[in-house]
Protein backbone atom coordinates (compact mmCIF):
# COMPACT_ATOMS: atom_id res chain seq x y z
CA MET A 1 11.83 -2.56 62.35
CA LYS A 2 10.51 -5.91 61.11
CA THR A 3 12.56 -7.83 58.56
CA ARG A 4 9.58 -9.36 56.73
CA LEU A 5 6.95 -7.43 54.74
CA ASP A 6 3.42 -8.17 55.88
CA PRO A 7 0.61 -6.24 54.05
CA THR A 8 -1.67 -6.83 57.01
CA ASP A 9 0.77 -5.21 59.43
CA LEU A 10 0.34 -1.42 59.22
CA SER A 11 3.36 -0.80 61.45
CA VAL A 12 5.68 -1.08 58.46
CA HIS A 13 6.62 2.39 57.28
CA ARG A 14 5.44 3.23 53.77
CA ARG A 15 8.91 4.25 52.56
CA ALA A 16 10.49 1.04 53.87
CA PHE A 17 7.75 -1.08 52.35
CA LEU A 18 8.15 0.55 48.92
CA GLY A 19 11.87 0.27 49.05
CA ARG A 20 11.89 -3.43 49.95
CA ALA A 21 9.09 -4.18 47.49
CA ALA A 22 11.15 -2.64 44.72
CA GLN A 23 14.03 -4.96 45.68
CA GLY A 24 11.82 -8.07 45.51
CA VAL A 25 8.60 -8.43 43.59
CA GLY A 26 8.85 -4.82 42.46
CA ALA A 27 12.23 -5.36 40.86
CA VAL A 28 10.95 -8.30 38.86
CA ALA A 29 7.85 -6.33 37.84
CA LEU A 30 9.93 -3.32 36.84
CA ALA A 31 12.19 -5.52 34.74
CA SER A 32 9.20 -7.00 32.95
CA LEU A 33 7.74 -3.56 32.34
CA LEU A 34 10.93 -2.20 30.80
CA ASP A 35 11.49 -5.37 28.72
CA SER A 36 8.26 -7.33 28.44
CA SER A 37 10.03 -10.22 26.67
CA LEU A 38 11.70 -11.18 29.96
CA LEU A 39 8.49 -12.48 31.52
CA ARG A 40 6.26 -12.75 28.41
CA ALA A 41 4.33 -16.01 28.32
CA GLN A 42 2.50 -17.61 25.45
CA ALA A 43 -0.89 -15.92 25.13
CA ARG A 44 -3.79 -18.18 26.02
CA PRO A 45 -7.52 -17.67 26.63
CA PRO A 46 -8.24 -16.41 30.14
CA ARG A 47 -9.78 -18.73 32.66
CA GLY A 48 -13.55 -18.50 32.82
CA THR A 49 -14.22 -18.61 29.10
CA SER A 50 -15.37 -21.57 27.10
CA PRO A 51 -12.53 -23.14 25.05
CA ALA A 52 -11.97 -20.39 22.51
CA LEU A 53 -10.08 -21.81 19.53
CA THR A 54 -12.16 -24.83 18.65
CA LEU A 55 -12.48 -24.09 14.91
CA PRO A 56 -9.95 -23.40 12.17
CA GLN A 57 -8.88 -19.80 12.59
CA LYS A 58 -9.16 -17.72 9.40
CA ALA A 59 -9.02 -14.30 11.06
CA LYS A 60 -6.41 -13.21 13.57
CA ARG A 61 -7.91 -9.76 13.99
CA VAL A 62 -10.96 -7.61 13.21
CA ILE A 63 -11.11 -4.07 11.83
CA TRP A 64 -14.71 -2.87 12.28
CA LEU A 65 -15.65 0.27 10.35
CA THR A 66 -18.77 1.86 11.87
CA MET A 67 -20.61 4.54 9.90
CA ALA A 68 -22.47 6.01 12.86
CA GLY A 69 -25.90 7.45 12.13
CA GLY A 70 -27.27 4.85 9.70
CA PRO A 71 -26.16 5.20 6.06
CA SER A 72 -28.94 4.96 3.50
CA GLN A 73 -28.58 1.67 1.67
CA LEU A 74 -30.71 3.13 -1.17
CA GLU A 75 -28.04 5.70 -2.03
CA THR A 76 -25.04 3.47 -1.30
CA PHE A 77 -25.15 -0.29 -2.00
CA ASP A 78 -28.72 -1.40 -2.81
CA PRO A 79 -29.95 -0.21 -6.24
CA LYS A 80 -33.75 -0.06 -6.58
CA PRO A 81 -35.09 0.86 -10.02
CA GLY A 82 -38.57 -0.01 -8.72
CA LEU A 83 -38.27 2.73 -6.11
CA THR A 84 -37.13 5.17 -8.80
CA ARG A 85 -40.35 4.48 -10.73
CA ALA A 86 -42.42 4.79 -7.55
CA GLY A 87 -40.85 8.08 -6.44
CA GLY A 88 -43.47 10.62 -5.32
CA ARG A 89 -46.24 8.05 -5.05
CA PRO A 90 -47.83 6.83 -1.84
CA MET A 91 -46.03 3.92 -0.24
CA PRO A 92 -48.21 0.79 -0.67
CA GLU A 93 -49.85 0.01 2.68
CA SER A 94 -49.16 -3.68 2.05
CA PHE A 95 -45.48 -3.03 2.82
CA THR A 96 -45.94 -1.04 6.04
CA HIS A 97 -49.19 -2.17 7.67
CA GLY A 98 -48.56 -3.11 11.28
CA GLN A 99 -44.83 -2.39 10.89
CA GLN A 100 -42.65 -0.49 13.36
CA LEU A 101 -41.64 2.96 12.12
CA ALA A 102 -39.59 5.59 13.88
CA GLN A 103 -40.46 9.23 13.23
CA LEU A 104 -42.78 8.47 10.32
CA GLN A 105 -45.29 6.66 12.51
CA GLY A 106 -48.80 7.93 11.72
CA GLN A 107 -47.66 10.18 8.87
CA GLU A 108 -48.43 10.06 5.18
CA LEU A 109 -45.88 7.73 3.60
CA VAL A 110 -44.51 8.76 0.22
CA CYS A 111 -41.89 6.90 -1.77
CA LEU A 112 -38.57 8.75 -2.22
CA ALA A 113 -36.63 7.84 -5.32
CA PRO A 114 -32.88 7.15 -4.88
CA MET A 115 -30.93 10.41 -5.30
CA PHE A 116 -27.74 9.16 -6.94
CA PRO A 117 -27.08 6.88 -9.90
CA PHE A 118 -25.52 3.46 -9.50
CA ARG A 119 -22.66 2.12 -11.59
CA THR A 120 -21.29 -1.34 -12.24
CA TYR A 121 -17.84 -2.22 -10.93
CA GLY A 122 -15.60 -5.28 -10.98
CA GLU A 123 -15.60 -8.49 -12.99
CA ASN A 124 -19.10 -9.39 -11.86
CA GLY A 125 -20.62 -6.00 -12.66
CA THR A 126 -21.63 -5.28 -9.08
CA GLU A 127 -23.83 -2.19 -8.81
CA ILE A 128 -23.02 0.36 -6.16
CA SER A 129 -23.53 4.09 -5.90
CA GLU A 130 -21.32 6.34 -8.01
CA LEU A 131 -20.44 8.10 -4.72
CA PHE A 132 -18.02 5.24 -3.95
CA PRO A 133 -15.68 4.86 -6.93
CA HIS A 134 -12.73 3.79 -4.80
CA ILE A 135 -14.68 1.05 -3.05
CA GLY A 136 -15.89 0.14 -6.53
CA SER A 137 -12.29 -0.30 -7.59
CA VAL A 138 -11.85 -3.06 -4.96
CA ILE A 139 -15.35 -4.51 -5.16
CA ASP A 140 -13.91 -7.86 -6.27
CA GLU A 141 -12.30 -8.14 -2.79
CA ILE A 142 -15.61 -7.41 -1.00
CA CYS A 143 -18.63 -9.44 -0.04
CA LEU A 144 -21.63 -7.11 -0.19
CA VAL A 145 -24.58 -8.13 2.04
CA ARG A 146 -27.87 -6.44 1.04
CA SER A 147 -30.15 -8.39 3.41
CA MET A 148 -28.97 -7.39 6.89
CA THR A 149 -31.61 -6.57 9.52
CA THR A 150 -31.54 -5.37 13.11
CA GLU A 151 -33.94 -5.21 16.02
CA ALA A 152 -33.41 -1.62 17.14
CA ILE A 153 -34.74 1.49 15.48
CA ASN A 154 -33.18 4.38 17.44
CA HIS A 155 -29.52 5.29 17.48
CA ASP A 156 -28.24 4.42 20.96
CA PRO A 157 -30.11 1.09 21.31
CA ALA A 158 -29.13 0.22 17.74
CA HIS A 159 -25.48 0.87 18.47
CA MET A 160 -25.80 -1.22 21.61
CA PHE A 161 -27.38 -4.06 19.66
CA MET A 162 -24.77 -3.96 16.90
CA ASN A 163 -21.89 -3.77 19.38
CA THR A 164 -23.09 -6.10 22.12
CA GLY A 165 -25.94 -8.19 20.76
CA SER A 166 -28.34 -6.59 23.22
CA GLN A 167 -30.21 -3.29 23.44
CA ILE A 168 -29.68 -3.30 27.19
CA ALA A 169 -26.68 -1.36 28.47
CA GLY A 170 -24.07 -3.25 30.49
CA ARG A 171 -23.30 -6.13 28.15
CA PRO A 172 -19.78 -6.71 26.84
CA SER A 173 -18.97 -5.32 23.42
CA MET A 174 -17.70 -7.40 20.53
CA GLY A 175 -14.12 -6.31 21.02
CA ALA A 176 -14.28 -7.21 24.71
CA TRP A 177 -15.62 -10.66 23.94
CA VAL A 178 -12.94 -11.29 21.34
CA THR A 179 -9.99 -10.12 23.40
CA TYR A 180 -11.39 -12.01 26.43
CA GLY A 181 -11.51 -15.24 24.43
CA LEU A 182 -8.30 -14.90 22.38
CA GLY A 183 -6.10 -12.45 24.25
CA SER A 184 -3.89 -10.07 22.31
CA GLU A 185 -0.58 -10.30 20.44
CA ALA A 186 0.24 -6.64 21.07
CA GLU A 187 3.02 -5.90 23.54
CA ASN A 188 2.71 -2.17 24.03
CA LEU A 189 -0.83 -1.50 22.90
CA PRO A 190 -4.25 -2.62 24.19
CA GLY A 191 -5.90 -5.64 22.58
CA PHE A 192 -9.02 -3.54 21.76
CA VAL A 193 -8.65 0.01 20.41
CA VAL A 194 -11.34 2.49 19.40
CA MET A 195 -10.97 5.63 17.27
CA VAL A 196 -13.65 8.19 16.41
CA SER A 197 -13.74 10.70 13.53
CA THR A 198 -16.43 13.21 12.58
CA GLY A 199 -17.59 14.52 9.25
CA LYS A 200 -17.02 18.24 8.68
CA GLY A 201 -19.81 20.79 8.94
CA ARG A 202 -22.36 19.24 11.31
CA SER A 203 -22.78 18.24 14.96
CA PRO A 204 -23.84 14.57 15.06
CA GLN A 205 -25.01 12.66 18.10
CA PRO A 206 -22.33 11.62 20.61
CA ILE A 207 -21.21 8.02 20.84
CA ALA A 208 -21.29 6.69 24.40
CA ALA A 209 -18.23 4.94 25.81
CA ARG A 210 -20.42 1.99 26.80
CA GLN A 211 -20.42 1.00 23.13
CA TRP A 212 -16.91 -0.39 23.64
CA GLY A 213 -17.29 -1.33 27.32
CA GLY A 214 -16.39 -4.60 28.97
CA GLY A 215 -19.77 -5.12 30.63
CA PHE A 216 -19.56 -7.97 33.11
CA LEU A 217 -16.20 -9.13 31.77
CA PRO A 218 -13.02 -8.01 33.55
CA GLY A 219 -12.37 -4.33 32.91
CA ARG A 220 -9.05 -4.85 31.16
CA PHE A 221 -10.91 -6.18 28.08
CA GLN A 222 -12.86 -2.97 27.40
CA GLY A 223 -11.87 -0.83 24.45
CA VAL A 224 -9.28 1.91 24.88
CA PRO A 225 -10.03 5.14 22.97
CA VAL A 226 -7.11 6.51 20.97
CA ARG A 227 -7.46 9.98 19.49
CA GLY A 228 -6.28 10.73 15.98
CA LEU A 229 -5.93 14.44 16.65
CA GLY A 230 -3.73 16.01 19.33
CA GLU A 231 -2.75 13.92 22.33
CA ALA A 232 -3.47 10.29 21.32
CA VAL A 233 -4.30 9.16 24.87
CA HIS A 234 -5.14 11.60 27.64
CA TYR A 235 -2.74 11.73 30.64
CA LEU A 236 -0.47 9.04 29.23
CA GLY A 237 2.76 11.00 29.37
CA ASN A 238 4.94 11.37 32.46
CA PRO A 239 4.82 14.57 34.50
CA ARG A 240 7.64 16.97 33.82
CA GLY A 241 10.88 15.88 35.47
CA VAL A 242 9.83 12.22 35.86
CA SER A 243 11.85 9.74 33.82
CA ARG A 244 10.59 6.50 32.35
CA GLU A 245 12.68 4.54 34.85
CA GLN A 246 11.20 6.52 37.74
CA GLN A 247 7.68 6.01 36.47
CA GLY A 248 8.37 2.29 35.97
CA ALA A 249 9.59 1.99 39.54
CA ASP A 250 6.42 3.64 40.81
CA VAL A 251 4.21 1.32 38.79
CA ALA A 252 6.18 -1.72 39.95
CA ALA A 253 5.90 -0.68 43.58
CA ILE A 254 2.17 -0.04 43.31
CA ASN A 255 1.63 -3.37 41.62
CA ALA A 256 3.68 -5.12 44.28
CA LEU A 257 1.39 -3.61 46.91
CA ASN A 258 -1.67 -4.65 44.90
CA THR A 259 -0.36 -8.18 44.48
CA ARG A 260 0.21 -8.61 48.22
CA HIS A 261 -3.17 -7.13 48.99
CA ASP A 262 -4.86 -9.41 46.50
CA ALA A 263 -3.31 -12.45 48.20
CA VAL A 264 -5.30 -11.46 51.32
CA VAL A 265 -8.64 -10.25 49.91
CA HIS A 266 -8.80 -12.15 46.56
CA ASP A 267 -10.52 -9.31 44.75
CA PRO A 268 -10.59 -9.83 40.95
CA GLU A 269 -10.66 -6.07 40.40
CA ILE A 270 -7.14 -5.88 41.83
CA ALA A 271 -5.85 -8.08 39.01
CA VAL A 272 -7.52 -5.69 36.56
CA ARG A 273 -5.88 -2.73 38.27
CA ILE A 274 -2.46 -4.37 38.04
CA ALA A 275 -2.91 -5.18 34.37
CA GLN A 276 -4.07 -1.65 33.59
CA TYR A 277 -1.10 -0.05 35.36
CA GLU A 278 1.27 -2.27 33.36
CA MET A 279 -0.51 -1.60 30.08
CA ALA A 280 -0.55 2.16 30.67
CA PHE A 281 3.19 2.09 31.28
CA ARG A 282 3.87 0.09 28.11
CA MET A 283 1.57 2.37 26.11
CA GLN A 284 3.89 5.27 26.98
CA ALA A 285 6.28 3.68 24.50
CA GLY A 286 3.83 1.96 22.19
CA VAL A 287 1.47 4.84 21.41
CA PRO A 288 4.07 7.40 20.29
CA GLU A 289 5.66 4.73 18.10
CA LEU A 290 2.27 3.87 16.63
CA THR A 291 1.34 7.44 15.75
CA ASP A 292 4.77 8.39 14.39
CA VAL A 293 4.21 7.65 10.70
CA ARG A 294 7.45 9.09 9.39
CA ASP A 295 8.41 5.59 8.26
CA GLU A 296 5.40 5.45 5.91
CA SER A 297 6.20 6.17 2.28
CA ARG A 298 4.66 9.04 0.35
CA LYS A 299 3.00 6.46 -1.89
CA THR A 300 1.23 4.97 1.12
CA LEU A 301 0.04 8.34 2.38
CA GLU A 302 -1.26 9.15 -1.05
CA LEU A 303 -3.02 5.79 -1.20
CA TYR A 304 -5.04 6.66 1.90
CA GLY A 305 -5.38 10.32 0.93
CA CYS A 306 -4.62 11.43 4.47
CA ARG A 307 -2.65 13.97 6.38
CA PRO A 308 -1.32 12.01 9.35
CA GLY A 309 -2.54 13.20 12.69
CA ASP A 310 -5.44 15.27 11.39
CA GLY A 311 -8.07 13.09 13.13
CA SER A 312 -9.73 12.15 9.85
CA PHE A 313 -11.19 8.74 9.05
CA ALA A 314 -8.43 8.29 6.45
CA SER A 315 -5.71 8.94 8.98
CA ASN A 316 -7.40 6.56 11.42
CA CYS A 317 -7.52 3.86 8.74
CA LEU A 318 -3.76 4.15 8.31
CA LEU A 319 -3.34 3.86 12.08
CA ALA A 320 -5.65 0.84 12.05
CA ARG A 321 -3.30 -0.91 9.64
CA ARG A 322 -0.36 -0.05 11.88
CA MET A 323 -2.23 -1.43 14.89
CA ALA A 324 -2.97 -4.62 13.01
CA GLU A 325 0.75 -5.02 12.27
CA ARG A 326 1.48 -4.60 15.99
CA GLY A 327 -0.87 -7.36 17.10
CA VAL A 328 -3.98 -5.43 18.22
CA ARG A 329 -6.83 -7.95 18.15
CA PHE A 330 -9.89 -5.74 17.63
CA ILE A 331 -9.80 -2.27 16.03
CA GLN A 332 -13.03 -0.26 15.78
CA LEU A 333 -13.22 2.95 13.82
CA TYR A 334 -16.30 5.16 14.13
CA HIS A 335 -17.07 7.82 11.54
CA ARG A 336 -20.00 10.01 12.60
CA ASP A 337 -22.56 12.14 10.80
CA TRP A 338 -24.51 9.63 8.68
CA ASP A 339 -27.88 10.57 10.23
CA HIS A 340 -29.65 12.12 7.27
CA HIS A 341 -33.30 12.84 8.08
CA SER A 342 -32.89 15.80 5.76
CA LEU A 343 -30.19 17.20 3.47
CA LEU A 344 -29.51 13.70 2.23
CA ARG A 345 -28.63 14.93 -1.26
CA GLU A 346 -26.34 17.58 0.14
CA GLU A 347 -24.64 15.67 2.98
CA LEU A 348 -24.20 12.09 1.77
CA PRO A 349 -21.62 12.98 -0.89
CA LEU A 350 -19.49 14.67 1.78
CA ARG A 351 -19.55 11.59 4.02
CA ALA A 352 -18.83 9.30 1.10
CA ARG A 353 -15.76 11.33 0.10
CA GLU A 354 -14.49 11.16 3.65
CA VAL A 355 -14.45 7.35 3.77
CA ASP A 356 -14.42 6.02 0.20
CA GLN A 357 -10.71 6.27 -0.63
CA ALA A 358 -9.56 5.24 2.85
CA CYS A 359 -11.71 2.09 2.91
CA ALA A 360 -10.33 1.00 -0.42
CA ALA A 361 -6.80 1.89 0.66
CA LEU A 362 -7.12 -0.21 3.80
CA ILE A 363 -8.06 -3.28 1.73
CA THR A 364 -5.31 -2.62 -0.85
CA ASP A 365 -2.64 -1.94 1.78
CA LEU A 366 -3.46 -5.05 3.81
CA LYS A 367 -3.52 -7.22 0.71
CA ARG A 368 -0.14 -6.05 -0.59
CA ARG A 369 1.36 -6.72 2.83
CA GLY A 370 -0.08 -10.25 2.95
CA MET A 371 -2.35 -9.36 5.87
CA LEU A 372 -5.84 -9.26 4.28
CA GLU A 373 -6.18 -13.02 4.34
CA GLU A 374 -6.01 -12.98 8.15
CA THR A 375 -7.77 -9.65 8.81
CA LEU A 376 -11.57 -9.48 8.91
CA ILE A 377 -12.86 -6.07 7.77
CA VAL A 378 -16.51 -5.18 8.45
CA TRP A 379 -18.24 -2.01 7.18
CA THR A 380 -21.68 -1.18 8.56
CA GLY A 381 -23.95 1.33 10.22
CA GLU A 382 -26.34 0.66 13.12
CA PHE A 383 -29.45 0.39 10.90
CA GLY A 384 -30.71 1.29 7.42
CA ARG A 385 -33.08 3.94 6.04
CA THR A 386 -36.67 3.92 4.84
CA PRO A 387 -37.66 3.98 1.14
CA MET A 388 -40.14 6.66 2.26
CA SER A 389 -39.34 10.37 2.50
CA GLN A 390 -38.84 11.99 5.89
CA SER A 391 -40.28 15.22 4.46
CA ASN A 392 -42.31 16.07 1.37
CA LYS A 393 -41.06 19.65 1.30
CA GLY A 394 -37.63 21.23 1.39
CA PRO A 395 -34.34 19.27 1.75
CA VAL A 396 -35.52 15.67 2.14
CA GLY A 397 -33.99 12.64 3.84
CA ARG A 398 -34.93 9.20 5.12
CA ASP A 399 -36.06 7.90 8.49
CA HIS A 400 -34.50 5.12 10.62
CA HIS A 401 -35.24 1.61 9.45
CA ASN A 402 -34.46 -1.83 10.84
CA LYS A 403 -35.94 -4.23 8.28
CA SER A 404 -33.27 -3.67 5.63
CA MET A 405 -29.71 -2.41 5.55
CA SER A 406 -26.58 -3.01 3.49
CA MET A 407 -23.08 -3.76 4.78
CA TRP A 408 -19.91 -5.40 3.47
CA LEU A 409 -17.06 -7.63 4.64
CA ALA A 410 -13.64 -8.44 3.26
CA GLY A 411 -10.67 -10.68 4.00
CA ALA A 412 -10.18 -13.65 6.38
CA GLY A 413 -12.05 -16.33 4.44
CA ILE A 414 -14.95 -14.13 3.31
CA LYS A 415 -16.01 -14.91 -0.27
CA PRO A 416 -14.79 -12.00 -2.42
CA GLY A 417 -16.77 -10.45 -5.28
CA LEU A 418 -20.08 -11.76 -3.91
CA VAL A 419 -23.44 -10.00 -3.56
CA TYR A 420 -25.44 -11.84 -0.88
CA GLY A 421 -29.12 -11.46 -0.14
CA ALA A 422 -31.71 -9.06 -1.51
CA THR A 423 -34.52 -6.73 -0.47
CA ASP A 424 -37.97 -6.36 -2.04
CA GLU A 425 -38.56 -4.17 -5.11
CA LEU A 426 -38.86 -1.00 -3.03
CA GLY A 427 -36.04 -1.79 -0.61
CA TYR A 428 -38.36 -1.90 2.41
CA ALA A 429 -37.53 -5.36 3.77
CA ALA A 430 -34.90 -8.07 3.30
CA VAL A 431 -36.54 -11.00 1.55
CA GLU A 432 -33.69 -13.26 0.34
CA ASN A 433 -31.00 -14.77 2.60
CA VAL A 434 -32.14 -12.59 5.50
CA CYS A 435 -29.34 -11.98 8.03
CA THR A 436 -29.48 -10.76 11.61
CA VAL A 437 -26.93 -8.98 13.80
CA HIS A 438 -26.58 -12.21 15.81
CA ASP A 439 -25.80 -14.06 12.59
CA LEU A 440 -23.13 -11.49 11.80
CA HIS A 441 -21.56 -11.90 15.24
CA ALA A 442 -21.67 -15.68 14.92
CA THR A 443 -19.91 -15.45 11.55
CA MET A 444 -17.29 -13.11 12.91
CA LEU A 445 -16.50 -15.45 15.79
CA HIS A 446 -16.46 -18.43 13.44
CA GLN A 447 -13.76 -16.82 11.31
CA LEU A 448 -11.79 -16.08 14.48
CA GLY A 449 -11.87 -19.80 15.26
CA ILE A 450 -14.58 -19.58 17.97
CA ASP A 451 -17.76 -21.62 18.14
CA HIS A 452 -20.23 -18.91 19.03
CA ASP A 453 -22.71 -21.31 20.64
CA ALA A 454 -20.08 -22.66 23.03
CA PHE A 455 -18.43 -19.34 23.84
CA SER A 456 -20.20 -18.21 26.98
CA VAL A 457 -19.62 -16.76 30.44
CA LYS A 458 -21.77 -17.32 33.52
CA PHE A 459 -23.60 -14.12 34.43
CA GLN A 460 -26.49 -13.88 36.85
CA GLY A 461 -26.86 -17.65 36.70
CA LEU A 462 -27.13 -17.78 32.89
CA ASP A 463 -24.75 -18.68 30.11
CA ALA A 464 -24.32 -15.25 28.52
CA LYS A 465 -23.17 -15.11 24.92
CA LEU A 466 -22.43 -12.42 22.34
CA THR A 467 -24.88 -14.09 20.00
CA GLY A 468 -27.72 -14.34 22.51
CA VAL A 469 -30.17 -17.22 22.76
CA GLU A 470 -32.34 -16.54 19.70
CA GLY A 471 -30.72 -19.16 17.49
CA ALA A 472 -27.95 -17.29 15.64
CA LYS A 473 -26.42 -18.99 12.64
CA VAL A 474 -23.11 -18.63 10.82
CA ILE A 475 -23.74 -17.10 7.39
CA GLN A 476 -22.14 -19.98 5.50
CA GLY A 477 -23.08 -18.55 2.12
CA ILE A 478 -20.52 -15.77 2.40
CA LEU A 479 -17.60 -17.98 3.44
CA VAL A 480 -14.98 -19.48 1.13
């Protein structure tokens, strides 16, 4: 039998190869898997990106709260007394002539008055819907943007645009861009984690995994779904009778084989495979520790209003804070069932109750732990809703709309207590300090210390960027 291991020589028996690999490269790899501090190097941007940290870094991480389905800004964060007065009347054609509509195209357009009162909150008397009293209690920590717009008008393309800056599938998501540029500080968790919760009582549209995909970036930067109910990550645990040490030895041996093979074929996907094996092994320790909230006080659980492990948005917000503490770079929480073409009056209060307290708790909890100043929180849907009624009879709702939507941000150098931008008197279109999704992405990267215009990757001969080529701008007016 040969004394040297040669991956190109198939005469080496598999058992001998694995055994010797475990004594050499495999032993080192196993040691690093069991104790990552032994080989842990200072995190730095991966090769192939533009220089990432070129600006002062205000945010170390992002928590992105996605209200999937398109919340109505007219019942949440954009009060319109003019629309109240116009309720039941025909929508003036001057607003809609030649405009893109979704399911209302070609129909009679009738103004729908806002269905819930607005109240003033905070030192500046900011008006938001009475459905969000908890968010109202922290409104002085929030920057409310009432002039956001988007390009897409249907759910899946709108999610794609909000997540990737493009309506075309196959582009990297925000979280993938951020972790590609900055890496992650988490040892036993992925740098980009996604959690999904669903409102009770309905069956909303599914959310495709491509919304957190890596696109043309290396696969290890794509988002990793973590479930808040039941088994947190599918197939993560060891088979019965296999110890952690045995599993670590297997991973080390497989990675030793992959490393030797990569030295011959130079396939970048092999490096991804190695990294994913190692991360999966570390997650076997990191995920159970993350989801075990027995160390959380009763006061904290009451603050979020959650029952840990029930899969609710509130429980996921608590886990998001725990991920932030453990160095996860990008955390995205989806809460579904905001698509109210009908039953808006009946369903919106339910969705609001499911997220209101938890959103406020997340801000409060991060602030009291000294983490809000370096955590960027973003709350948004994929588009807004029309000031016109979807139906003139029965339980009414609002159609998709891309010319106006409301969202808010908090923490990480965002100006607190500010209302930015405005829509016209009926809430149809943003007219003051108009913002685009690309502007939002540019601002997010800016707070993370990244010049969005310089942060690019060569793809199909072009300099691909999260913020596209349409001339995105940082929204300076919302920054401290």
